[in-house]
């Protein structure tokens, strides 16, 4: 049984090449392989976009909740700020937003990064 690489090499071969036979079925298999790679690339790009949107959305919600629970931020010392009610949700939201920026790097999408 031929692998997709062997089938693609068969379809690229010249008709005058005596060692490799030129077959139209090989072209069809090669184009189907290319189409599946294209679809995989599109679905990967879509999943990267959705992951970014979810991380940005949830991150911004956590930041807003953290700021509301920490209010008033001005006038607090550093120790009062980190011991405050909304500190953990604020930090979680900031981390999620940073992860939203790095999604293409984490998933391995070299085209978007």
Protein backbone atom coordinates (compact mmCIF):
# COMPACT_ATOMS: atom_id res chain seq x y z
CA UNK A 1 0.00 0.00 0.00
CA UNK A 2 1.35 3.42 -0.93
CA UNK A 3 1.67 6.24 1.57
CA UNK A 4 0.50 9.73 0.69
CA UNK A 5 4.09 10.87 0.08
CA UNK A 6 4.68 8.06 -2.38
CA UNK A 7 1.39 8.75 -4.14
CA UNK A 8 2.25 12.46 -4.42
CA UNK A 9 5.68 11.61 -5.81
CA UNK A 10 3.99 9.38 -8.40
CA UNK A 11 1.68 12.18 -9.47
CA UNK A 12 4.59 14.62 -9.85
CA UNK A 13 6.55 12.22 -12.06
CA UNK A 14 6.85 13.05 -15.75
CA UNK A 15 4.96 10.85 -18.20
CA UNK A 16 8.20 10.12 -20.05
CA UNK A 17 9.84 8.69 -16.90
CA UNK A 18 9.96 4.89 -17.44
CA UNK A 19 10.34 4.01 -13.74
CA UNK A 20 7.28 5.83 -12.44
CA UNK A 21 3.93 5.45 -14.16
CA UNK A 22 1.78 8.52 -14.56
CA UNK A 23 -1.74 7.89 -13.30
CA UNK A 24 -4.66 10.27 -12.94
CA UNK A 25 -5.81 8.44 -9.83
CA UNK A 26 -2.58 9.51 -8.12
CA UNK A 27 -3.39 13.14 -8.87
CA UNK A 28 -6.80 12.73 -7.29
CA UNK A 29 -5.34 11.17 -4.14
CA UNK A 30 -2.69 13.87 -3.96
CA UNK A 31 -5.29 16.64 -4.32
CA UNK A 32 -7.46 15.01 -1.63
CA UNK A 33 -4.44 14.90 0.67
CA UNK A 34 -3.75 18.57 -0.03
CA UNK A 35 -7.40 19.46 0.61
CA UNK A 36 -7.41 17.62 3.94
CA UNK A 37 -4.25 19.46 4.96
CA UNK A 38 -5.91 22.74 3.97
CA UNK A 39 -9.02 21.88 6.01
CA UNK A 40 -6.85 20.92 8.98
CA UNK A 41 -5.06 24.25 8.68
CA UNK A 42 -8.36 26.14 8.58
CA UNK A 43 -9.77 24.27 11.57
CA UNK A 44 -6.55 24.88 13.49
CA UNK A 45 -6.77 28.60 12.72
CA UNK A 46 -10.40 28.63 13.83
CA UNK A 47 -9.58 26.88 17.10
CA UNK A 48 -6.76 29.36 17.77
CA UNK A 49 -9.16 32.27 17.21
CA UNK A 50 -11.82 30.78 19.50
CA UNK A 51 -9.26 30.05 22.22
CA UNK A 52 -7.99 33.62 22.04
CA UNK A 53 -11.52 35.01 22.28
CA UNK A 54 -12.39 32.81 25.27
CA UNK A 55 -9.18 33.69 27.13
CA UNK A 56 -9.57 37.41 26.45
CA UNK A 57 -13.24 37.36 27.44
CA UNK A 58 -12.84 35.43 30.66
CA UNK A 59 -9.65 37.32 31.50
CA UNK A 60 -11.34 40.68 31.15
CA UNK A 61 -14.28 39.51 33.29
CA UNK A 62 -11.90 38.40 36.05
CA UNK A 63 -9.96 41.69 35.85
CA UNK A 64 -13.16 43.73 36.15
CA UNK A 65 -14.37 41.63 39.09
CA UNK A 66 -10.96 41.94 40.75
CA UNK A 67 -10.91 45.74 40.36
CA UNK A 68 -14.46 46.06 41.67
CA UNK A 69 -13.65 43.91 44.72
CA UNK A 70 -10.36 45.77 45.33
CA UNK A 71 -11.91 49.22 45.09
CA UNK A 72 -10.55 51.77 46.14
CA UNK A 73 -7.12 50.75 44.86
CA UNK A 74 -5.42 54.09 45.47
CA UNK A 75 -4.40 54.73 49.04
CA UNK A 76 -3.67 51.06 49.84
CA UNK A 77 -0.25 49.82 50.74
CA UNK A 78 1.21 46.91 48.81
CA UNK A 79 0.45 44.47 51.63
CA UNK A 80 -3.16 45.66 51.85
CA UNK A 81 -3.46 45.33 48.07
CA UNK A 82 -2.25 41.73 47.90
CA UNK A 83 -4.33 40.73 50.92
CA UNK A 84 -7.45 42.37 49.47
CA UNK A 85 -10.63 40.63 48.37
CA UNK A 86 -10.13 40.85 44.60
CA UNK A 87 -6.38 40.28 44.28
CA UNK A 88 -6.55 36.65 43.14
CA UNK A 89 -9.26 37.25 40.55
CA UNK A 90 -7.37 40.29 39.26
CA UNK A 91 -4.14 38.30 38.87
CA UNK A 92 -6.01 35.36 37.30
CA UNK A 93 -7.57 37.71 34.77
CA UNK A 94 -4.22 39.26 33.87
CA UNK A 95 -2.66 35.81 33.44
CA UNK A 96 -5.54 34.72 31.19
CA UNK A 97 -5.13 37.82 29.02
CA UNK A 98 -1.39 37.17 28.65
CA UNK A 99 -2.15 33.55 27.71
CA UNK A 100 -4.61 34.86 25.14
CA UNK A 101 -1.75 36.72 23.46
CA UNK A 102 0.45 33.61 23.45
CA UNK A 103 -2.10 31.09 22.13
CA UNK A 104 -0.51 30.89 18.64
CA UNK A 105 2.85 30.11 20.22
CA UNK A 106 1.43 27.55 22.63
CA UNK A 107 -0.58 25.69 19.97
CA UNK A 108 2.23 25.90 17.45
CA UNK A 109 0.59 28.00 14.77
CA UNK A 110 3.61 29.51 13.02
CA UNK A 111 1.59 31.45 10.43
CA UNK A 112 -0.24 33.70 12.92
CA UNK A 113 2.63 34.31 15.30
